[in-house]
Amino acid sequence: QEFSGDKVVYWAALPHTANAPDMRHTPDMRFPSVGAYLPRWYGQCYLSIGFTCDHGAISTGSGKTLTHPPPAPDWFEQPLGNVRVDQFAV
């Protein structure tokens, strides 16, 4: 990126891309997210965008999962759940 000027995409879960210098994962676990470092490098050009991908399950890291329901009809992600898997690309 330094030499070519090309754009960079850092794809990760939203908590990792957020500019959160004191992110709390548990009461005893706090540390800066990666997104807290990226604005230092990219300045005003850094942008964190969050979206969902219809539905699924999220691991809590303790052997349990949380169910993530489909988005509300007025969310822009809602049509993503209507696309067949063989047609889907990001």
N, C-alpha and C. Protein backbone atom coordinates (compact mmCIF):
# COMPACT_ATOMS: atom_id res chain seq x y z
N GLN A 1 0.83 -1.19 0.00
CA GLN A 1 0.00 0.00 0.00
C GLN A 1 0.87 1.25 0.00
N GLU A 2 1.97 1.20 0.72
CA GLU A 2 2.85 2.36 0.77
C GLU A 2 3.40 2.73 -0.59
N PHE A 3 3.73 1.72 -1.40
CA PHE A 3 4.35 1.97 -2.70
C PHE A 3 3.34 2.14 -3.83
N SER A 4 2.24 1.40 -3.75
CA SER A 4 1.27 1.42 -4.86
C SER A 4 0.14 2.43 -4.65
N GLY A 5 -0.16 2.75 -3.38
CA GLY A 5 -1.28 3.63 -3.10
C GLY A 5 -2.62 2.92 -3.16
N ASP A 6 -2.59 1.58 -3.35
CA ASP A 6 -3.83 0.81 -3.40
C ASP A 6 -4.56 0.88 -2.07
N LYS A 7 -5.86 0.67 -2.13
CA LYS A 7 -6.67 0.65 -0.91
C LYS A 7 -6.47 -0.68 -0.20
N VAL A 8 -6.66 -0.70 1.11
CA VAL A 8 -6.48 -1.88 1.93
C VAL A 8 -7.80 -2.18 2.63
N VAL A 9 -8.17 -3.45 2.66
CA VAL A 9 -9.35 -3.88 3.40
C VAL A 9 -8.88 -4.82 4.51
N TYR A 10 -9.23 -4.49 5.73
CA TYR A 10 -8.96 -5.36 6.88
C TYR A 10 -10.31 -5.92 7.29
N TRP A 11 -10.52 -7.19 7.00
CA TRP A 11 -11.82 -7.83 7.24
C TRP A 11 -11.74 -8.59 8.55
N ALA A 12 -12.55 -8.21 9.51
CA ALA A 12 -12.55 -8.88 10.80
C ALA A 12 -13.87 -8.60 11.49
N ALA A 13 -14.08 -9.23 12.61
CA ALA A 13 -15.28 -8.97 13.40
C ALA A 13 -15.25 -7.52 13.87
N LEU A 14 -16.40 -6.92 13.95
CA LEU A 14 -16.51 -5.50 14.26
C LEU A 14 -15.72 -5.09 15.51
N PRO A 15 -15.74 -5.86 16.60
CA PRO A 15 -14.96 -5.41 17.76
C PRO A 15 -13.47 -5.23 17.45
N HIS A 16 -12.95 -5.99 16.50
CA HIS A 16 -11.54 -5.88 16.17
C HIS A 16 -11.24 -4.68 15.29
N THR A 17 -12.19 -4.26 14.46
CA THR A 17 -11.96 -3.13 13.57
C THR A 17 -12.29 -1.79 14.22
N ALA A 18 -13.07 -1.81 15.29
CA ALA A 18 -13.48 -0.57 15.95
C ALA A 18 -12.29 0.14 16.57
N ASN A 19 -12.34 1.45 16.57
CA ASN A 19 -11.31 2.24 17.23
C ASN A 19 -11.62 2.24 18.72
N ALA A 20 -11.15 1.18 19.40
CA ALA A 20 -11.47 0.97 20.82
C ALA A 20 -10.17 0.74 21.60
N PRO A 21 -9.52 1.82 22.07
CA PRO A 21 -8.24 1.66 22.76
C PRO A 21 -8.33 0.96 24.11
N ASP A 22 -9.52 0.84 24.68
CA ASP A 22 -9.68 0.19 25.99
C ASP A 22 -10.83 -0.80 25.94
N MET A 23 -10.80 -1.69 24.92
CA MET A 23 -11.88 -2.65 24.75
C MET A 23 -11.89 -3.66 25.89
N ARG A 24 -13.07 -3.93 26.42
CA ARG A 24 -13.22 -4.89 27.50
C ARG A 24 -13.87 -6.15 26.94
N HIS A 25 -13.16 -7.27 27.04
CA HIS A 25 -13.71 -8.56 26.60
C HIS A 25 -14.37 -9.28 27.77
N THR A 26 -13.76 -9.20 28.92
CA THR A 26 -14.32 -9.71 30.17
C THR A 26 -13.96 -8.67 31.23
N PRO A 27 -14.50 -8.78 32.44
CA PRO A 27 -14.13 -7.78 33.45
C PRO A 27 -12.62 -7.69 33.70
N ASP A 28 -11.91 -8.80 33.51
CA ASP A 28 -10.47 -8.80 33.77
C ASP A 28 -9.61 -8.70 32.52
N MET A 29 -10.23 -8.67 31.33
CA MET A 29 -9.45 -8.67 30.10
C MET A 29 -9.76 -7.41 29.29
N ARG A 30 -8.79 -6.51 29.24
CA ARG A 30 -8.91 -5.27 28.47
C ARG A 30 -7.65 -5.09 27.65
N PHE A 31 -7.82 -4.66 26.43
CA PHE A 31 -6.67 -4.33 25.59
C PHE A 31 -7.17 -3.57 24.37
N PRO A 32 -6.30 -2.84 23.69
CA PRO A 32 -6.72 -2.10 22.50
C PRO A 32 -7.05 -3.05 21.36
N SER A 33 -8.10 -2.75 20.63
CA SER A 33 -8.42 -3.52 19.43
C SER A 33 -7.44 -3.14 18.33
N VAL A 34 -7.36 -3.95 17.29
CA VAL A 34 -6.51 -3.61 16.15
C VAL A 34 -6.95 -2.26 15.57
N GLY A 35 -8.26 -2.03 15.56
CA GLY A 35 -8.79 -0.78 15.04
C GLY A 35 -8.33 0.45 15.81
N ALA A 36 -7.81 0.26 17.01
CA ALA A 36 -7.27 1.38 17.77
C ALA A 36 -5.90 1.78 17.24
N TYR A 37 -5.21 0.87 16.56
CA TYR A 37 -3.89 1.15 16.00
C TYR A 37 -3.95 1.66 14.56
N LEU A 38 -4.93 1.18 13.80
CA LEU A 38 -4.99 1.52 12.37
C LEU A 38 -5.16 3.01 12.09
N PRO A 39 -5.94 3.76 12.87
CA PRO A 39 -6.04 5.20 12.61
C PRO A 39 -4.70 5.93 12.78
N ARG A 40 -3.83 5.38 13.61
CA ARG A 40 -2.50 5.99 13.77
C ARG A 40 -1.72 5.88 12.46
N TRP A 41 -1.92 4.78 11.76
CA TRP A 41 -1.19 4.53 10.51
C TRP A 41 -1.87 5.25 9.34
N TYR A 42 -3.20 5.10 9.24
CA TYR A 42 -3.92 5.62 8.08
C TYR A 42 -4.56 6.98 8.31
N GLY A 43 -4.57 7.45 9.54
CA GLY A 43 -5.14 8.76 9.84
C GLY A 43 -6.62 8.83 9.52
N GLN A 44 -7.05 9.94 8.94
CA GLN A 44 -8.45 10.17 8.61
C GLN A 44 -8.96 9.23 7.52
N CYS A 45 -8.07 8.52 6.86
CA CYS A 45 -8.48 7.59 5.79
C CYS A 45 -9.00 6.27 6.35
N TYR A 46 -8.78 6.00 7.65
CA TYR A 46 -9.26 4.75 8.23
C TYR A 46 -10.75 4.85 8.53
N LEU A 47 -11.50 3.83 8.14
CA LEU A 47 -12.93 3.80 8.37
C LEU A 47 -13.34 2.38 8.74
N SER A 48 -14.05 2.22 9.83
CA SER A 48 -14.55 0.92 10.25
C SER A 48 -16.03 0.85 9.90
N ILE A 49 -16.40 -0.16 9.12
CA ILE A 49 -17.79 -0.31 8.69
C ILE A 49 -18.31 -1.62 9.27
N GLY A 50 -19.45 -1.57 9.91
CA GLY A 50 -20.03 -2.78 10.49
C GLY A 50 -21.29 -3.19 9.76
N PHE A 51 -21.45 -4.49 9.56
CA PHE A 51 -22.67 -5.02 8.97
C PHE A 51 -22.84 -6.47 9.38
N THR A 52 -24.03 -6.96 9.24
CA THR A 52 -24.32 -8.36 9.54
C THR A 52 -24.54 -9.11 8.23
N CYS A 53 -24.55 -10.41 8.29
CA CYS A 53 -24.71 -11.22 7.08
C CYS A 53 -25.94 -12.13 7.18
N ASP A 54 -27.04 -11.64 7.60
CA ASP A 54 -28.33 -12.32 7.69
C ASP A 54 -28.52 -13.03 9.02
N HIS A 55 -27.97 -14.21 9.25
CA HIS A 55 -28.21 -14.91 10.51
C HIS A 55 -27.05 -15.87 10.77
N GLY A 56 -27.05 -16.46 11.96
CA GLY A 56 -26.01 -17.43 12.28
C GLY A 56 -25.84 -17.57 13.78
N ALA A 57 -24.71 -18.12 14.16
CA ALA A 57 -24.39 -18.32 15.57
C ALA A 57 -23.02 -17.72 15.85
N ILE A 58 -22.87 -17.17 17.04
CA ILE A 58 -21.63 -16.53 17.45
C ILE A 58 -21.09 -17.27 18.66
N SER A 59 -19.82 -17.68 18.60
CA SER A 59 -19.19 -18.37 19.72
C SER A 59 -18.90 -17.37 20.83
N THR A 60 -19.20 -17.75 22.06
CA THR A 60 -18.87 -16.91 23.21
C THR A 60 -17.48 -17.23 23.74
N GLY A 61 -16.86 -18.26 23.17
CA GLY A 61 -15.53 -18.65 23.62
C GLY A 61 -15.55 -19.57 24.82
N SER A 62 -16.70 -19.82 25.38
CA SER A 62 -16.80 -20.69 26.56
C SER A 62 -17.51 -22.00 26.21
N GLY A 63 -17.50 -22.37 24.94
CA GLY A 63 -18.18 -23.59 24.51
C GLY A 63 -19.66 -23.37 24.24
N LYS A 64 -20.13 -22.15 24.42
CA LYS A 64 -21.53 -21.82 24.17
C LYS A 64 -21.62 -20.91 22.95
N THR A 65 -22.80 -20.85 22.37
CA THR A 65 -23.02 -19.95 21.24
C THR A 65 -24.26 -19.09 21.48
N LEU A 66 -24.27 -17.95 20.84
CA LEU A 66 -25.42 -17.07 20.86
C LEU A 66 -26.01 -17.08 19.46
N THR A 67 -27.32 -17.20 19.35
CA THR A 67 -27.98 -17.18 18.05
C THR A 67 -28.16 -15.75 17.58
N HIS A 68 -27.75 -15.51 16.36
CA HIS A 68 -27.89 -14.19 15.76
C HIS A 68 -29.06 -14.26 14.78
N PRO A 69 -30.18 -13.61 15.08
CA PRO A 69 -31.35 -13.70 14.21
C PRO A 69 -31.17 -12.91 12.92
N PRO A 70 -32.02 -13.15 11.93
CA PRO A 70 -31.97 -12.34 10.69
C PRO A 70 -32.19 -10.87 11.01
N PRO A 71 -31.64 -9.97 10.20
CA PRO A 71 -31.81 -8.54 10.44
C PRO A 71 -33.25 -8.09 10.20
N ALA A 72 -33.60 -6.97 10.77
CA ALA A 72 -34.93 -6.39 10.58
C ALA A 72 -35.13 -6.05 9.10
N PRO A 73 -36.37 -6.06 8.63
CA PRO A 73 -36.65 -5.79 7.21
C PRO A 73 -36.10 -4.46 6.71
N ASP A 74 -35.94 -3.46 7.57
CA ASP A 74 -35.46 -2.16 7.12
C ASP A 74 -33.93 -2.01 7.19
N TRP A 75 -33.21 -3.07 7.57
CA TRP A 75 -31.75 -3.03 7.57
C TRP A 75 -31.24 -3.33 6.17
N PHE A 76 -30.14 -2.69 5.77
CA PHE A 76 -29.64 -2.90 4.41
C PHE A 76 -29.14 -4.32 4.18
N GLU A 77 -28.78 -5.05 5.25
CA GLU A 77 -28.28 -6.42 5.11
C GLU A 77 -29.38 -7.43 4.83
N GLN A 78 -30.63 -7.08 5.05
CA GLN A 78 -31.73 -8.03 4.95
C GLN A 78 -31.75 -8.79 3.62
N PRO A 79 -31.51 -8.17 2.47
CA PRO A 79 -31.53 -8.92 1.20
C PRO A 79 -30.43 -9.98 1.09
N LEU A 80 -29.36 -9.88 1.89
CA LEU A 80 -28.28 -10.86 1.81
C LEU A 80 -28.78 -12.27 2.12
N GLY A 81 -29.79 -12.39 2.97
CA GLY A 81 -30.33 -13.70 3.32
C GLY A 81 -31.17 -14.32 2.21
N ASN A 82 -31.53 -13.54 1.21
CA ASN A 82 -32.36 -14.05 0.11
C ASN A 82 -31.54 -14.54 -1.08
N VAL A 83 -30.22 -14.40 -1.00
CA VAL A 83 -29.34 -14.78 -2.12
C VAL A 83 -28.91 -16.25 -1.93
N ARG A 84 -28.97 -17.02 -3.02
CA ARG A 84 -28.50 -18.40 -2.96
C ARG A 84 -26.99 -18.41 -2.72
N VAL A 85 -26.51 -19.39 -2.00
CA VAL A 85 -25.09 -19.45 -1.66
C VAL A 85 -24.20 -19.43 -2.89
N ASP A 86 -24.58 -20.13 -3.97
CA ASP A 86 -23.74 -20.17 -5.17
C ASP A 86 -23.71 -18.84 -5.92
N GLN A 87 -24.56 -17.88 -5.54
CA GLN A 87 -24.56 -16.55 -6.17
C GLN A 87 -23.87 -15.51 -5.30
N PHE A 88 -23.54 -15.85 -4.09
CA PHE A 88 -23.09 -14.87 -3.13
C PHE A 88 -21.59 -14.64 -3.22
N ALA A 89 -21.19 -13.39 -3.28
CA ALA A 89 -19.78 -13.01 -3.23
C ALA A 89 -19.69 -11.64 -2.60
N VAL A 90 -18.66 -11.43 -1.82
CA VAL A 90 -18.44 -10.12 -1.22
C VAL A 90 -17.19 -9.53 -1.82
